[in-house]
Amino acid sequence: MTAPAVVVVGAINVDLVVAAARLPGPGETVVGGGVQRHGGGKGANAAVAAARAGADVRLVGAVGADDTGAAALAELRADGVDTSGVAVLSGVPTGVALIVVDDHGENQIAVGAGANAAVTAEHVRDALRAVLPRAGCVLVSTEIGAAAVAAAVESASAAGVRCVLNPAPVVPVVAQLLAHGPVLTPNATECRHLAALVDADSPPEGIAPRGARALVARTGAPVAVTLGGDGAVVLGPGEDPHHVPPLTATVRDTTGAGDTFNGVLAAGLAAGDDIRTAVRAGTVAASLSVAHVGARTGMPRAAAIAAALPVG
């Protein structure tokens, strides 16, 4: 790792995907044509997105000492992700996500955390200690335990390395970490939920979702709120909200679009891009990604992102 790198701390899963005409309701069964297996987990997905965008990427997390975990690591290495920070744990299974995707590309996801829940703060600190001097950005997602999330954000802050914290899902520890100044990347719903955790019930400000301004005030750092098919909004300290529109996209599967956004955003920040430039690239990459089934299948490479970026 010679150039400023992206270090991703987060979950590694295998996704089992059923495509069905519609999503099931409570207590309902729907039948799809078959089951597809894809690599998944917010951490692993974002690591692949950053690597395809051209970043030097190291992933910190855990898998089980099983065939599923071995296959997951092999897939990550094939995409250029350094997995030396991934622990292989005996006695626990690799994480699995059960996903249903409907005809409109919307999804329902249930995750069995497995080894992701066993990632320890000590492992995170040890894995980061060696790489932080060469890191340009640390990206943290919250599908792992609270202590591990805290260790990642606190270690990046102590080393003076920019940290992106994706609060998906919103867990209480995120509110405790805002003082470390991470760049937050919630979607609109997560933005409202996170604002509620910090007792902020501010109204929407133009295009900025409820609570965005209060979160910026707590972190002193930008908040990039993803809006699905409406693109993203960036709000920085003392700045007006800035809307970044998406590309027109053919939507087949939205699974992993947010992970694509976060990985490409982190790659841009590590390379020295300003937040608006990095968000624009992340939004374009996410728009490209949804045209394919599977979280990683449609994740674009750097050339495709550059070609699709709007001029000006």
Protein backbone atom coordinates (compact mmCIF):
# COMPACT_ATOMS: atom_id res chain seq x y z
CA MET A 1 0.00 0.00 0.00
CA THR A 2 2.00 2.99 -1.27
CA ALA A 3 -0.72 5.53 -2.19
CA PRO A 4 -3.22 6.89 0.36
CA ALA A 5 -5.52 3.96 0.92
CA VAL A 6 -9.12 3.33 1.80
CA VAL A 7 -9.55 1.16 4.89
CA VAL A 8 -13.02 -0.33 5.24
CA VAL A 9 -14.26 -1.68 8.56
CA GLY A 10 -17.52 -3.60 8.29
CA ALA A 11 -19.49 -6.73 7.57
CA ILE A 12 -18.76 -9.54 5.16
CA ASN A 13 -21.73 -11.65 4.06
CA VAL A 14 -22.89 -14.03 1.42
CA ASP A 15 -26.15 -12.88 -0.18
CA LEU A 16 -28.80 -15.43 -1.15
CA VAL A 17 -31.16 -13.66 -3.53
CA VAL A 18 -34.64 -14.65 -4.70
CA ALA A 19 -36.19 -12.61 -7.52
CA ALA A 20 -39.99 -12.51 -7.20
CA ALA A 21 -42.78 -10.52 -8.81
CA ARG A 22 -43.39 -8.68 -5.54
CA LEU A 23 -42.14 -8.52 -1.99
CA PRO A 24 -43.94 -10.64 0.63
CA GLY A 25 -46.13 -9.08 3.29
CA PRO A 26 -46.17 -10.20 6.94
CA GLY A 27 -46.82 -13.94 7.13
CA GLU A 28 -46.93 -14.24 3.34
CA THR A 29 -44.96 -16.53 1.02
CA VAL A 30 -43.94 -15.50 -2.47
CA VAL A 31 -42.29 -17.82 -4.97
CA GLY A 32 -39.43 -16.83 -7.25
CA GLY A 33 -37.67 -18.66 -10.04
CA GLY A 34 -34.57 -19.68 -8.10
CA VAL A 35 -31.83 -18.62 -5.71
CA GLN A 36 -28.70 -16.71 -6.73
CA ARG A 37 -25.60 -16.43 -4.57
CA HIS A 38 -23.63 -13.17 -4.49
CA GLY A 39 -20.94 -11.63 -2.32
CA GLY A 40 -22.41 -9.20 0.19
CA GLY A 41 -22.08 -7.31 3.46
CA LYS A 42 -21.88 -3.52 3.61
CA GLY A 43 -18.19 -3.50 4.43
CA ALA A 44 -17.20 -6.00 1.78
CA ASN A 45 -19.43 -4.40 -0.85
CA ALA A 46 -18.03 -0.94 -0.21
CA ALA A 47 -14.49 -2.32 -0.32
CA VAL A 48 -15.15 -3.81 -3.77
CA ALA A 49 -16.71 -0.56 -4.98
CA ALA A 50 -13.69 1.44 -3.81
CA ALA A 51 -11.26 -1.02 -5.38
CA ARG A 52 -13.07 -0.95 -8.74
CA ALA A 53 -13.00 2.84 -8.56
CA GLY A 54 -9.20 2.62 -8.44
CA ALA A 55 -8.43 2.82 -4.72
CA ASP A 56 -5.92 0.74 -2.79
CA VAL A 57 -8.26 -0.98 -0.32
CA ARG A 58 -7.82 -2.97 2.87
CA LEU A 59 -10.82 -4.60 4.56
CA VAL A 60 -11.14 -5.21 8.30
CA GLY A 61 -13.79 -7.65 9.48
CA ALA A 62 -14.37 -11.36 10.10
CA VAL A 63 -15.65 -14.53 8.43
CA GLY A 64 -16.19 -18.01 9.75
CA ALA A 65 -13.70 -20.83 9.22
CA ASP A 66 -16.04 -22.44 6.72
CA ASP A 67 -16.31 -22.92 2.97
CA THR A 68 -18.58 -19.90 2.71
CA GLY A 69 -15.98 -17.67 4.35
CA ALA A 70 -13.16 -19.03 2.18
CA ALA A 71 -15.20 -18.35 -0.96
CA ALA A 72 -16.06 -14.84 0.24
CA LEU A 73 -12.40 -13.98 0.80
CA ALA A 74 -11.39 -15.43 -2.58
CA GLU A 75 -13.99 -13.23 -4.31
CA LEU A 76 -12.74 -10.14 -2.49
CA ARG A 77 -9.12 -10.83 -3.39
CA ALA A 78 -10.11 -11.35 -7.01
CA ASP A 79 -11.47 -7.79 -6.96
CA GLY A 80 -8.18 -6.45 -5.62
CA VAL A 81 -9.20 -6.07 -1.96
CA ASP A 82 -6.49 -6.71 0.64
CA THR A 83 -8.09 -9.10 3.15
CA SER A 84 -5.16 -9.34 5.55
CA GLY A 85 -7.27 -7.47 8.13
CA VAL A 86 -10.05 -10.08 8.02
CA ALA A 87 -10.11 -12.55 10.92
CA VAL A 88 -11.09 -16.15 10.20
CA LEU A 89 -12.97 -17.41 13.25
CA SER A 90 -13.67 -20.98 14.30
CA GLY A 91 -17.01 -21.92 15.79
CA VAL A 92 -19.08 -19.20 14.13
CA PRO A 93 -20.56 -19.14 10.62
CA THR A 94 -19.88 -16.55 7.97
CA GLY A 95 -22.62 -13.93 7.80
CA VAL A 96 -25.52 -14.56 5.43
CA ALA A 97 -28.13 -12.17 4.04
CA LEU A 98 -31.49 -13.44 2.74
CA ILE A 99 -32.77 -11.06 0.07
CA VAL A 100 -35.97 -10.83 -1.96
CA VAL A 101 -35.95 -8.52 -4.99
CA ASP A 102 -39.17 -7.55 -6.78
CA ASP A 103 -39.85 -6.63 -10.41
CA HIS A 104 -39.17 -2.95 -9.66
CA GLY A 105 -35.75 -3.62 -8.12
CA GLU A 106 -36.88 -2.97 -4.54
CA ASN A 107 -35.73 -5.41 -1.88
CA GLN A 108 -36.24 -6.87 1.57
CA ILE A 109 -33.18 -8.05 3.48
CA ALA A 110 -32.71 -10.14 6.62
CA VAL A 111 -29.15 -10.70 7.86
CA GLY A 112 -27.73 -13.47 10.01
CA ALA A 113 -24.69 -11.66 11.41
CA GLY A 114 -22.56 -14.73 12.18
CA ALA A 115 -18.88 -13.79 12.37
CA ASN A 116 -19.67 -10.11 11.87
CA ALA A 117 -21.05 -9.96 15.41
CA ALA A 118 -17.78 -11.41 16.71
CA VAL A 119 -15.54 -8.62 15.35
CA THR A 120 -13.86 -7.20 18.45
CA ALA A 121 -12.61 -3.72 19.24
CA GLU A 122 -9.18 -5.19 19.87
CA HIS A 123 -9.06 -6.76 16.42
CA VAL A 124 -10.10 -3.49 14.80
CA ARG A 125 -7.48 -1.47 16.69
CA ASP A 126 -4.76 -3.98 15.90
CA ALA A 127 -5.68 -4.13 12.21
CA LEU A 128 -5.83 -0.35 11.89
CA ARG A 129 -2.62 0.36 13.79
CA ALA A 130 -0.42 -0.87 10.96
CA VAL A 131 -2.30 0.75 8.10
CA LEU A 132 -3.52 4.13 9.41
CA PRO A 133 -0.20 5.91 8.70
CA ARG A 134 -0.77 5.19 4.99
CA ALA A 135 -4.56 5.66 4.93
CA GLY A 136 -6.40 8.50 3.25
CA CYS A 137 -9.87 7.52 4.47
CA VAL A 138 -11.45 5.03 6.88
CA LEU A 139 -14.98 3.90 5.98
CA VAL A 140 -17.01 2.32 8.78
CA SER A 141 -20.41 0.62 8.53
CA THR A 142 -22.57 -0.50 11.42
CA GLU A 143 -23.48 -4.12 10.66
CA ILE A 144 -20.75 -5.11 13.14
CA GLY A 145 -20.78 -4.73 16.94
CA ALA A 146 -20.92 -1.34 18.63
CA ALA A 147 -17.52 -1.71 20.28
CA ALA A 148 -15.88 -2.50 16.93
CA VAL A 149 -17.58 0.48 15.27
CA ALA A 150 -16.41 2.77 18.07
CA ALA A 151 -12.85 1.43 17.89
CA ALA A 152 -12.69 2.16 14.15
CA VAL A 153 -14.00 5.74 14.40
CA GLU A 154 -11.91 6.55 17.47
CA SER A 155 -8.73 5.12 15.92
CA ALA A 156 -9.20 7.11 12.71
CA SER A 157 -9.88 10.28 14.68
CA ALA A 158 -6.82 9.81 16.89
CA ALA A 159 -4.63 9.31 13.81
CA GLY A 160 -6.05 12.37 12.05
CA VAL A 161 -7.43 10.28 9.18
CA ARG A 162 -10.72 11.28 7.61
CA CYS A 163 -13.53 8.92 8.61
CA VAL A 164 -16.77 8.19 6.76
CA LEU A 165 -19.43 6.62 8.97
CA ASN A 166 -22.36 4.95 7.21
CA PRO A 167 -25.09 4.58 9.88
CA ALA A 168 -26.92 1.68 8.25
CA PRO A 169 -28.48 0.57 10.49
CA VAL A 170 -28.71 3.48 12.92
CA VAL A 171 -27.44 2.13 16.25
CA PRO A 172 -27.07 4.09 19.50
CA VAL A 173 -23.25 4.08 19.41
CA VAL A 174 -23.32 6.36 16.35
CA ALA A 175 -24.67 9.26 18.44
CA GLN A 176 -21.76 8.80 20.85
CA LEU A 177 -19.22 9.07 18.03
CA LEU A 178 -20.40 12.32 16.44
CA ALA A 179 -17.90 14.35 18.46
CA HIS A 180 -15.10 12.66 16.51
CA GLY A 181 -16.24 14.49 13.39
CA PRO A 182 -17.01 11.70 10.92
CA VAL A 183 -18.55 12.37 7.53
CA LEU A 184 -22.01 10.83 7.87
CA THR A 185 -23.72 9.11 4.93
CA PRO A 186 -27.27 8.22 5.99
CA ASN A 187 -30.23 7.83 3.71
CA ALA A 188 -33.18 10.14 4.40
CA THR A 189 -34.83 7.76 6.87
CA GLU A 190 -31.57 7.11 8.70
CA CYS A 191 -30.92 10.85 8.84
CA ARG A 192 -34.20 11.39 10.69
CA HIS A 193 -33.59 8.45 13.02
CA LEU A 194 -30.07 9.59 13.82
CA ALA A 195 -31.23 13.12 14.49
CA ALA A 196 -33.79 11.70 16.94
CA LEU A 197 -30.96 9.99 18.83
CA VAL A 198 -29.30 13.35 19.42
CA ASP A 199 -32.60 15.01 20.40
CA ALA A 200 -32.77 17.04 17.22
CA ASP A 201 -36.18 17.53 15.67
CA SER A 202 -35.32 20.35 13.30
CA PRO A 203 -37.58 20.79 10.25
CA PRO A 204 -36.39 20.01 6.74
CA GLU A 205 -34.27 22.80 5.28
CA GLY A 206 -35.12 23.11 1.62
CA ILE A 207 -33.83 19.94 0.00
CA ALA A 208 -32.07 18.75 3.17
CA PRO A 209 -33.93 16.06 5.14
CA ARG A 210 -35.06 16.63 8.70
CA GLY A 211 -32.16 16.66 11.16
CA ALA A 212 -29.35 17.11 8.62
CA ARG A 213 -28.35 20.57 9.84
CA ALA A 214 -28.35 19.41 13.47
CA LEU A 215 -26.05 16.51 12.59
CA VAL A 216 -23.61 18.83 10.84
CA ALA A 217 -23.62 21.03 13.95
CA ARG A 218 -22.74 18.02 16.11
CA THR A 219 -19.95 16.67 13.88
CA GLY A 220 -18.52 19.84 12.36
CA ALA A 221 -18.22 17.76 9.18
CA PRO A 222 -20.30 17.33 6.02
CA VAL A 223 -23.34 15.07 5.89
CA ALA A 224 -24.10 13.36 2.58
CA VAL A 225 -27.69 12.10 2.54
CA THR A 226 -28.53 9.54 -0.13
CA LEU A 227 -32.01 9.86 -1.64
CA GLY A 228 -32.30 6.73 -3.77
CA GLY A 229 -33.66 7.62 -7.18
CA ASP A 230 -33.39 11.34 -6.35
CA GLY A 231 -29.60 11.33 -5.97
CA ALA A 232 -28.00 12.84 -2.87
CA VAL A 233 -27.77 16.03 -0.83
CA VAL A 234 -24.54 17.36 0.67
CA LEU A 235 -24.69 19.74 3.61
CA GLY A 236 -21.48 21.15 5.11
CA PRO A 237 -20.80 23.48 8.05
CA GLY A 238 -22.00 26.96 7.19
CA GLU A 239 -23.11 25.89 3.71
CA ASP A 240 -26.44 25.68 1.93
CA PRO A 241 -27.62 22.18 0.96
CA HIS A 242 -26.29 21.04 -2.41
CA HIS A 243 -28.32 18.57 -4.48
CA VAL A 244 -26.46 16.02 -6.61
CA PRO A 245 -28.84 14.48 -9.17
CA PRO A 246 -28.60 10.83 -10.21
CA LEU A 247 -28.10 9.48 -13.68
CA THR A 248 -31.14 8.16 -15.47
CA ALA A 249 -30.97 4.47 -14.68
CA THR A 250 -32.62 1.19 -15.59
CA VAL A 251 -33.36 -0.31 -12.19
CA ARG A 252 -33.13 -4.07 -11.83
CA ASP A 253 -31.84 -4.37 -8.25
CA THR A 254 -31.11 -1.63 -5.72
CA THR A 255 -29.21 -3.99 -3.40
CA GLY A 256 -25.75 -2.57 -2.80
CA ALA A 257 -26.39 0.86 -4.34
CA GLY A 258 -25.69 2.58 -1.03
CA ASP A 259 -22.55 0.50 -0.54
CA THR A 260 -21.39 1.49 -4.02
CA PHE A 261 -21.96 5.15 -3.15
CA ASN A 262 -19.99 4.85 0.08
CA GLY A 263 -17.07 2.96 -1.43
CA VAL A 264 -16.66 5.38 -4.32
CA LEU A 265 -17.09 8.37 -1.99
CA ALA A 266 -14.34 7.05 0.27
CA ALA A 267 -12.08 6.39 -2.73
CA GLY A 268 -12.55 9.98 -3.86
CA LEU A 269 -11.83 11.44 -0.43
CA ALA A 270 -8.72 9.28 -0.05
CA ALA A 271 -7.52 10.58 -3.42
CA GLY A 272 -7.93 14.17 -2.25
CA ASP A 273 -11.27 15.07 -3.86
CA ASP A 274 -13.50 17.60 -2.13
CA ILE A 275 -16.74 16.29 -0.66
CA ARG A 276 -19.00 17.48 -3.50
CA THR A 277 -16.78 15.91 -6.15
CA ALA A 278 -16.62 12.65 -4.22
CA VAL A 279 -20.40 12.61 -3.68
CA ARG A 280 -20.99 13.26 -7.39
CA ALA A 281 -18.81 10.27 -8.33
CA GLY A 282 -20.51 8.10 -5.70
CA THR A 283 -23.96 9.05 -6.97
CA VAL A 284 -23.02 8.26 -10.58
CA ALA A 285 -21.53 4.91 -9.54
CA ALA A 286 -24.65 3.99 -7.55
CA SER A 287 -26.85 4.88 -10.53
CA LEU A 288 -24.80 2.59 -12.76
CA SER A 289 -24.85 -0.25 -10.25
CA VAL A 290 -28.63 -0.76 -10.08
CA ALA A 291 -28.90 -2.00 -13.66
CA HIS A 292 -27.68 -5.45 -12.60
CA VAL A 293 -28.92 -8.08 -10.13
CA GLY A 294 -26.61 -8.59 -7.15
CA ALA A 295 -24.95 -6.10 -4.84
CA ARG A 296 -21.59 -6.17 -6.64
CA THR A 297 -22.44 -7.30 -10.16
CA GLY A 298 -23.02 -3.82 -11.53
CA MET A 299 -20.43 -1.93 -9.48
CA PRO A 300 -18.59 0.14 -12.10
CA ARG A 301 -14.87 0.57 -12.61
CA ALA A 302 -13.10 3.93 -12.65
CA ALA A 303 -13.29 4.36 -16.43
CA ALA A 304 -17.06 3.80 -16.48
CA ILE A 305 -17.58 6.27 -13.65
CA ALA A 306 -15.43 8.90 -15.37
CA ALA A 307 -17.26 8.41 -18.66
CA ALA A 308 -20.67 8.85 -17.01
CA LEU A 309 -19.82 11.90 -14.91
CA PRO A 310 -21.69 15.01 -16.07
CA VAL A 311 -19.49 17.68 -17.64
CA GLY A 312 -19.12 20.85 -15.60
